[in-house]
């Protein structure tokens, strides 16, 4: 799959600034700044959010159960 891209900020794009680029060139992860440390950082934040949400809900359920017993 190929896309027509414009290499200038002009609107409308001049003919000389257009080019056909393949999807693999556009989706190059290294050019987008996605590398192993970034992926690890995002996964760790996601894991911490899920675990934190679970512990918060568990703690609230324990507190509600304790209040109902009183």
C-alpha atoms as a PDB file:
ATOM      1  CA  UNK A   1       0.000   0.000   0.000  1.00  0.00           C
ATOM      2  CA  UNK A   2       1.331   3.395  -0.924  1.00  0.00           C
ATOM      3  CA  UNK A   3       0.342   6.866   0.274  1.00  0.00           C
ATOM      4  CA  UNK A   4       0.666  10.253  -1.361  1.00  0.00           C
ATOM      5  CA  UNK A   5       2.432  12.546   1.104  1.00  0.00           C
ATOM      6  CA  UNK A   6       3.371  16.208   1.071  1.00  0.00           C
ATOM      7  CA  UNK A   7       6.823  17.277   2.259  1.00  0.00           C
ATOM      8  CA  UNK A   8       5.976  20.964   2.728  1.00  0.00           C
ATOM      9  CA  UNK A   9       3.642  22.865   5.038  1.00  0.00           C
ATOM     10  CA  UNK A  10       1.980  24.778   2.195  1.00  0.00           C
ATOM     11  CA  UNK A  11      -1.729  24.374   1.655  1.00  0.00           C
ATOM     12  CA  UNK A  12      -2.496  23.257  -1.036  1.00  0.00           C
ATOM     13  CA  UNK A  13       0.612  21.168  -1.458  1.00  0.00           C
ATOM     14  CA  UNK A  14       2.748  22.084  -4.489  1.00  0.00           C
ATOM     15  CA  UNK A  15       3.269  19.328  -7.073  1.00  0.00           C
ATOM     16  CA  UNK A  16       7.028  19.370  -6.519  1.00  0.00           C
ATOM     17  CA  UNK A  17       6.597  18.544  -2.798  1.00  0.00           C
ATOM     18  CA  UNK A  18       4.503  15.395  -3.224  1.00  0.00           C
ATOM     19  CA  UNK A  19       5.759  11.813  -3.276  1.00  0.00           C
ATOM     20  CA  UNK A  20       4.412   8.285  -3.096  1.00  0.00           C
ATOM     21  CA  UNK A  21       5.660   6.508   0.033  1.00  0.00           C
ATOM     22  CA  UNK A  22       5.092   2.899   1.087  1.00  0.00           C
ATOM     23  CA  UNK A  23       3.382   2.116   4.368  1.00  0.00           C
ATOM     24  CA  UNK A  24       6.468   0.340   5.700  1.00  0.00           C
ATOM     25  CA  UNK A  25       8.465   3.559   5.303  1.00  0.00           C
ATOM     26  CA  UNK A  26       5.812   5.568   7.132  1.00  0.00           C
ATOM     27  CA  UNK A  27       5.441   3.070   9.981  1.00  0.00           C
ATOM     28  CA  UNK A  28       9.138   2.722  10.790  1.00  0.00           C
ATOM     29  CA  UNK A  29       9.133   2.425  14.582  1.00  0.00           C
ATOM     30  CA  UNK A  30      12.663   3.768  14.973  1.00  0.00           C
ATOM     31  CA  UNK A  31      11.740   6.953  13.096  1.00  0.00           C
ATOM     32  CA  UNK A  32       8.670   7.372  15.294  1.00  0.00           C
ATOM     33  CA  UNK A  33      10.831   7.188  18.414  1.00  0.00           C
ATOM     34  CA  UNK A  34       9.448   3.870  19.631  1.00  0.00           C
ATOM     35  CA  UNK A  35      12.240   1.785  21.114  1.00  0.00           C
ATOM     36  CA  UNK A  36      12.598  -0.893  23.795  1.00  0.00           C
ATOM     37  CA  UNK A  37      12.895   1.465  26.813  1.00  0.00           C
ATOM     38  CA  UNK A  38       9.783   3.367  25.719  1.00  0.00           C
ATOM     39  CA  UNK A  39       7.776   0.156  25.346  1.00  0.00           C
ATOM     40  CA  UNK A  40       8.951  -1.054  28.770  1.00  0.00           C
ATOM     41  CA  UNK A  41       8.009   2.317  30.300  1.00  0.00           C
ATOM     42  CA  UNK A  42       4.488   2.198  28.854  1.00  0.00           C
ATOM     43  CA  UNK A  43       3.940  -1.430  29.878  1.00  0.00           C
ATOM     44  CA  UNK A  44       5.124  -0.727  33.420  1.00  0.00           C
ATOM     45  CA  UNK A  45       2.785   2.266  33.735  1.00  0.00           C
ATOM     46  CA  UNK A  46      -0.118   0.163  32.488  1.00  0.00           C
ATOM     47  CA  UNK A  47       0.687  -2.650  34.913  1.00  0.00           C
ATOM     48  CA  UNK A  48       0.994  -0.187  37.801  1.00  0.00           C
ATOM     49  CA  UNK A  49      -2.365   1.400  36.906  1.00  0.00           C
ATOM     50  CA  UNK A  50      -4.169  -1.957  36.760  1.00  0.00           C
ATOM     51  CA  UNK A  51      -2.575  -3.209  39.972  1.00  0.00           C
ATOM     52  CA  UNK A  52      -3.228   0.103  41.744  1.00  0.00           C
ATOM     53  CA  UNK A  53      -6.866   0.096  40.656  1.00  0.00           C
ATOM     54  CA  UNK A  54      -7.267  -3.469  41.900  1.00  0.00           C
ATOM     55  CA  UNK A  55      -5.705  -2.673  45.273  1.00  0.00           C
ATOM     56  CA  UNK A  56      -7.814   0.478  45.632  1.00  0.00           C
ATOM     57  CA  UNK A  57     -11.020  -1.453  44.918  1.00  0.00           C
ATOM     58  CA  UNK A  58      -9.992  -4.268  47.238  1.00  0.00           C
ATOM     59  CA  UNK A  59      -9.191  -1.829  50.036  1.00  0.00           C
ATOM     60  CA  UNK A  60     -12.497  -0.029  49.570  1.00  0.00           C
ATOM     61  CA  UNK A  61     -14.413  -3.303  49.650  1.00  0.00           C
ATOM     62  CA  UNK A  62     -12.645  -4.283  52.887  1.00  0.00           C
ATOM     63  CA  UNK A  63     -13.464  -0.893  54.397  1.00  0.00           C
ATOM     64  CA  UNK A  64     -17.120  -1.101  53.370  1.00  0.00           C
ATOM     65  CA  UNK A  65     -17.363  -4.638  54.738  1.00  0.00           C
ATOM     66  CA  UNK A  66     -15.806  -3.533  58.019  1.00  0.00           C
ATOM     67  CA  UNK A  67     -18.220  -0.577  58.305  1.00  0.00           C
ATOM     68  CA  UNK A  68     -21.228  -2.851  57.625  1.00  0.00           C
ATOM     69  CA  UNK A  69     -20.128  -5.185  60.430  1.00  0.00           C
ATOM     70  CA  UNK A  70     -20.079  -2.335  62.909  1.00  0.00           C
END
